[in-house]
Amino acid sequence: MAKTIQIRVDDQLKDSADLLFSSLGLDTSTAIRMFLVASMEEGGIPFPVKRRNGRDIAIKEAISRRKSGARFYTIEECLSDMDGAITEESAHATV
């Protein structure tokens, strides 16, 4: 027997989630079922089904540059560099 779960979310969140899941080849109901099944299998909240966002990319690029020899002398310099990369990406995304 199947049970129904009803939740209330604002229109913008629902529309954004529908677009995200659609881009992953899913509908929202299937994505929610996947979340519930994965939660039971993991015994907690699971997460790696996601798209990369600008901050994730900027952090990975900063790590890559550090591994190639670039140095960050302070945490402020590192964060400033990542923020600059995010700002640059945002500027390109709006063009």
N, C-alpha and C. Protein backbone atom coordinates (compact mmCIF):
# COMPACT_ATOMS: atom_id res chain seq x y z
N MET A 1 0.84 -1.18 0.00
CA MET A 1 0.00 0.00 0.00
C MET A 1 0.89 1.25 0.00
N ALA A 2 0.58 2.19 -0.86
CA ALA A 2 1.35 3.43 -0.95
C ALA A 2 0.68 4.51 -0.11
N LYS A 3 1.50 5.30 0.54
CA LYS A 3 1.01 6.43 1.32
C LYS A 3 1.40 7.71 0.61
N THR A 4 0.64 8.75 0.86
CA THR A 4 0.90 10.05 0.25
C THR A 4 1.55 10.96 1.28
N ILE A 5 2.58 11.69 0.84
CA ILE A 5 3.22 12.71 1.67
C ILE A 5 2.90 14.05 1.02
N GLN A 6 2.38 14.97 1.79
CA GLN A 6 2.11 16.31 1.29
C GLN A 6 2.95 17.30 2.06
N ILE A 7 3.62 18.18 1.33
CA ILE A 7 4.40 19.24 1.98
C ILE A 7 4.06 20.55 1.30
N ARG A 8 4.21 21.62 2.02
CA ARG A 8 4.01 22.96 1.46
C ARG A 8 5.36 23.63 1.30
N VAL A 9 5.60 24.13 0.10
CA VAL A 9 6.80 24.90 -0.18
C VAL A 9 6.38 26.09 -1.02
N ASP A 10 7.16 27.15 -0.99
CA ASP A 10 6.78 28.31 -1.79
C ASP A 10 6.95 27.99 -3.28
N ASP A 11 6.25 28.74 -4.09
CA ASP A 11 6.22 28.50 -5.53
C ASP A 11 7.61 28.52 -6.15
N GLN A 12 8.44 29.47 -5.75
CA GLN A 12 9.77 29.60 -6.34
C GLN A 12 10.63 28.37 -6.03
N LEU A 13 10.57 27.88 -4.79
CA LEU A 13 11.33 26.69 -4.43
C LEU A 13 10.86 25.49 -5.24
N LYS A 14 9.56 25.30 -5.35
CA LYS A 14 9.01 24.17 -6.12
C LYS A 14 9.43 24.25 -7.57
N ASP A 15 9.31 25.43 -8.18
CA ASP A 15 9.69 25.59 -9.58
C ASP A 15 11.18 25.34 -9.78
N SER A 16 12.01 25.85 -8.87
CA SER A 16 13.46 25.65 -8.97
C SER A 16 13.81 24.17 -8.82
N ALA A 17 13.17 23.50 -7.87
CA ALA A 17 13.43 22.07 -7.66
C ALA A 17 12.99 21.27 -8.88
N ASP A 18 11.83 21.60 -9.44
CA ASP A 18 11.37 20.91 -10.65
C ASP A 18 12.39 21.05 -11.78
N LEU A 19 12.92 22.26 -11.97
CA LEU A 19 13.92 22.48 -13.02
C LEU A 19 15.20 21.69 -12.75
N LEU A 20 15.67 21.71 -11.50
CA LEU A 20 16.88 20.98 -11.14
C LEU A 20 16.70 19.49 -11.41
N PHE A 21 15.63 18.92 -10.88
CA PHE A 21 15.43 17.48 -11.02
C PHE A 21 15.21 17.10 -12.48
N SER A 22 14.53 17.95 -13.22
CA SER A 22 14.33 17.70 -14.64
C SER A 22 15.68 17.66 -15.37
N SER A 23 16.60 18.56 -14.98
CA SER A 23 17.92 18.58 -15.61
C SER A 23 18.71 17.31 -15.28
N LEU A 24 18.32 16.61 -14.23
CA LEU A 24 18.95 15.35 -13.84
C LEU A 24 18.19 14.15 -14.38
N GLY A 25 17.12 14.41 -15.17
CA GLY A 25 16.32 13.33 -15.75
C GLY A 25 15.29 12.74 -14.80
N LEU A 26 14.90 13.51 -13.80
CA LEU A 26 13.96 13.04 -12.78
C LEU A 26 12.76 13.97 -12.68
N ASP A 27 11.66 13.45 -12.13
CA ASP A 27 10.61 14.36 -11.70
C ASP A 27 10.75 14.53 -10.19
N THR A 28 10.06 15.51 -9.63
CA THR A 28 10.24 15.83 -8.21
C THR A 28 9.82 14.67 -7.31
N SER A 29 8.73 14.01 -7.64
CA SER A 29 8.28 12.87 -6.82
C SER A 29 9.32 11.77 -6.78
N THR A 30 9.92 11.46 -7.92
CA THR A 30 10.95 10.42 -7.97
C THR A 30 12.17 10.85 -7.17
N ALA A 31 12.55 12.12 -7.28
CA ALA A 31 13.71 12.62 -6.52
C ALA A 31 13.46 12.51 -5.02
N ILE A 32 12.26 12.81 -4.59
CA ILE A 32 11.93 12.72 -3.16
C ILE A 32 11.94 11.26 -2.71
N ARG A 33 11.41 10.35 -3.54
CA ARG A 33 11.47 8.92 -3.20
C ARG A 33 12.92 8.45 -3.11
N MET A 34 13.76 8.91 -4.04
CA MET A 34 15.18 8.56 -3.99
C MET A 34 15.81 9.04 -2.69
N PHE A 35 15.48 10.26 -2.30
CA PHE A 35 16.00 10.81 -1.05
C PHE A 35 15.59 9.94 0.14
N LEU A 36 14.32 9.54 0.19
CA LEU A 36 13.83 8.73 1.31
C LEU A 36 14.51 7.37 1.35
N VAL A 37 14.61 6.70 0.20
CA VAL A 37 15.26 5.39 0.14
C VAL A 37 16.73 5.51 0.54
N ALA A 38 17.43 6.50 -0.01
CA ALA A 38 18.85 6.68 0.31
C ALA A 38 19.03 7.01 1.79
N SER A 39 18.12 7.78 2.35
CA SER A 39 18.20 8.11 3.78
C SER A 39 18.12 6.85 4.63
N MET A 40 17.22 5.94 4.26
CA MET A 40 17.07 4.70 5.01
C MET A 40 18.32 3.83 4.86
N GLU A 41 18.87 3.77 3.64
CA GLU A 41 20.07 2.97 3.41
C GLU A 41 21.28 3.52 4.15
N GLU A 42 21.39 4.85 4.20
CA GLU A 42 22.54 5.50 4.85
C GLU A 42 22.35 5.63 6.35
N GLY A 43 21.12 5.54 6.82
CA GLY A 43 20.86 5.78 8.23
C GLY A 43 20.99 7.24 8.59
N GLY A 44 20.77 8.11 7.63
CA GLY A 44 20.88 9.57 7.81
C GLY A 44 20.62 10.27 6.50
N ILE A 45 20.90 11.54 6.47
CA ILE A 45 20.68 12.30 5.24
C ILE A 45 21.86 12.08 4.30
N PRO A 46 21.57 11.61 3.07
CA PRO A 46 22.61 11.38 2.09
C PRO A 46 22.71 12.58 1.15
N PHE A 47 23.83 12.87 0.66
CA PHE A 47 23.83 13.91 -0.36
C PHE A 47 24.90 13.72 -1.38
N PRO A 48 25.24 13.14 -2.19
CA PRO A 48 25.95 13.65 -3.35
C PRO A 48 25.22 13.77 -4.68
N VAL A 49 23.94 13.69 -4.78
CA VAL A 49 23.27 13.89 -6.07
C VAL A 49 22.99 15.38 -6.21
N LYS A 50 23.92 16.07 -6.89
CA LYS A 50 23.77 17.52 -7.04
C LYS A 50 24.60 18.01 -8.21
N ARG A 51 24.30 19.17 -8.66
CA ARG A 51 25.12 19.82 -9.66
C ARG A 51 26.17 20.62 -8.92
N ARG A 52 27.28 20.90 -9.57
CA ARG A 52 28.31 21.73 -8.96
C ARG A 52 27.88 23.18 -9.01
N ASN A 53 28.09 23.88 -7.93
CA ASN A 53 27.81 25.32 -7.96
C ASN A 53 29.13 26.09 -8.05
N GLY A 54 29.04 27.37 -8.24
CA GLY A 54 30.23 28.20 -8.44
C GLY A 54 31.23 28.10 -7.30
N ARG A 55 30.75 28.04 -6.07
CA ARG A 55 31.66 27.97 -4.92
C ARG A 55 32.43 26.66 -4.94
N ASP A 56 31.76 25.53 -5.26
CA ASP A 56 32.45 24.25 -5.32
C ASP A 56 33.56 24.28 -6.35
N ILE A 57 33.27 24.84 -7.51
CA ILE A 57 34.26 24.92 -8.58
C ILE A 57 35.43 25.79 -8.16
N ALA A 58 35.15 26.95 -7.56
CA ALA A 58 36.20 27.87 -7.13
C ALA A 58 37.10 27.22 -6.09
N ILE A 59 36.53 26.49 -5.17
CA ILE A 59 37.32 25.82 -4.13
C ILE A 59 38.21 24.76 -4.76
N LYS A 60 37.67 23.97 -5.69
CA LYS A 60 38.48 22.94 -6.35
C LYS A 60 39.60 23.56 -7.16
N GLU A 61 39.33 24.70 -7.82
CA GLU A 61 40.38 25.38 -8.58
C GLU A 61 41.47 25.91 -7.65
N ALA A 62 41.08 26.46 -6.50
CA ALA A 62 42.07 26.96 -5.55
C ALA A 62 42.93 25.82 -5.01
N ILE A 63 42.32 24.68 -4.74
CA ILE A 63 43.07 23.52 -4.27
C ILE A 63 44.04 23.04 -5.35
N SER A 64 43.56 23.01 -6.58
CA SER A 64 44.41 22.59 -7.69
C SER A 64 45.61 23.51 -7.86
N ARG A 65 45.37 24.82 -7.78
CA ARG A 65 46.48 25.78 -7.90
C ARG A 65 47.46 25.62 -6.76
N ARG A 66 46.96 25.36 -5.57
CA ARG A 66 47.85 25.16 -4.40
C ARG A 66 48.72 23.94 -4.61
N LYS A 67 48.12 22.87 -5.15
CA LYS A 67 48.89 21.65 -5.40
C LYS A 67 49.94 21.86 -6.49
N SER A 68 49.68 22.83 -7.38
CA SER A 68 50.65 23.09 -8.45
C SER A 68 51.74 24.06 -8.02
N GLY A 69 51.71 24.49 -6.76
CA GLY A 69 52.79 25.32 -6.26
C GLY A 69 52.37 26.71 -5.81
N ALA A 70 51.16 27.15 -6.14
CA ALA A 70 50.70 28.47 -5.67
C ALA A 70 50.60 28.43 -4.16
N ARG A 71 50.89 29.56 -3.50
CA ARG A 71 50.83 29.58 -2.04
C ARG A 71 49.82 30.60 -1.57
N PHE A 72 49.11 30.26 -0.53
CA PHE A 72 48.21 31.18 0.15
C PHE A 72 48.83 31.42 1.53
N TYR A 73 49.21 32.62 1.78
CA TYR A 73 49.91 32.91 3.02
C TYR A 73 48.99 33.10 4.21
N THR A 74 47.77 33.51 3.95
CA THR A 74 46.80 33.66 5.04
C THR A 74 45.46 33.13 4.58
N ILE A 75 44.59 32.82 5.51
CA ILE A 75 43.24 32.36 5.18
C ILE A 75 42.49 33.47 4.43
N GLU A 76 42.78 34.72 4.79
CA GLU A 76 42.11 35.84 4.12
C GLU A 76 42.47 35.88 2.63
N GLU A 77 43.75 35.63 2.31
CA GLU A 77 44.17 35.60 0.91
C GLU A 77 43.49 34.46 0.15
N CYS A 78 43.40 33.32 0.79
CA CYS A 78 42.75 32.17 0.16
C CYS A 78 41.27 32.47 -0.10
N LEU A 79 40.56 32.96 0.91
CA LEU A 79 39.14 33.27 0.75
C LEU A 79 38.92 34.38 -0.27
N SER A 80 39.81 35.37 -0.26
CA SER A 80 39.71 36.45 -1.23
C SER A 80 39.86 35.92 -2.65
N ASP A 81 40.79 35.00 -2.84
CA ASP A 81 41.00 34.41 -4.16
C ASP A 81 39.76 33.62 -4.60
N MET A 82 39.18 32.84 -3.69
CA MET A 82 37.97 32.08 -4.03
C MET A 82 36.80 33.01 -4.33
N ASP A 83 36.64 34.05 -3.51
CA ASP A 83 35.56 35.02 -3.76
C ASP A 83 35.73 35.69 -5.11
N GLY A 84 36.97 36.01 -5.47
CA GLY A 84 37.24 36.61 -6.77
C GLY A 84 36.84 35.69 -7.91
N ALA A 85 37.14 34.40 -7.76
CA ALA A 85 36.77 33.43 -8.79
C ALA A 85 35.26 33.30 -8.90
N ILE A 86 34.56 33.33 -7.78
CA ILE A 86 33.10 33.24 -7.79
C ILE A 86 32.51 34.48 -8.44
N THR A 87 33.03 35.65 -8.09
CA THR A 87 32.55 36.90 -8.68
C THR A 87 32.77 36.90 -10.18
N GLU A 88 33.93 36.43 -10.60
CA GLU A 88 34.24 36.38 -12.03
C GLU A 88 33.29 35.44 -12.75
N GLU A 89 33.01 34.27 -12.14
CA GLU A 89 32.10 33.31 -12.74
C GLU A 89 30.69 33.90 -12.83
N SER A 90 30.26 34.58 -11.79
CA SER A 90 28.93 35.21 -11.78
C SER A 90 28.82 36.26 -12.87
N ALA A 91 29.88 37.02 -13.09
CA ALA A 91 29.87 38.05 -14.13
C ALA A 91 29.72 37.41 -15.50
N HIS A 92 30.38 36.28 -15.71
CA HIS A 92 30.28 35.58 -17.00
C HIS A 92 28.90 34.93 -17.17
N ALA A 93 28.30 34.49 -16.09
CA ALA A 93 27.00 33.83 -16.17
C ALA A 93 25.89 34.80 -16.52
N THR A 94 26.04 36.07 -16.16
CA THR A 94 24.98 37.04 -16.42
C THR A 94 25.12 37.68 -17.80
N VAL A 95 26.22 37.39 -18.50
CA VAL A 95 26.43 37.97 -19.82
C VAL A 95 25.71 37.18 -20.87
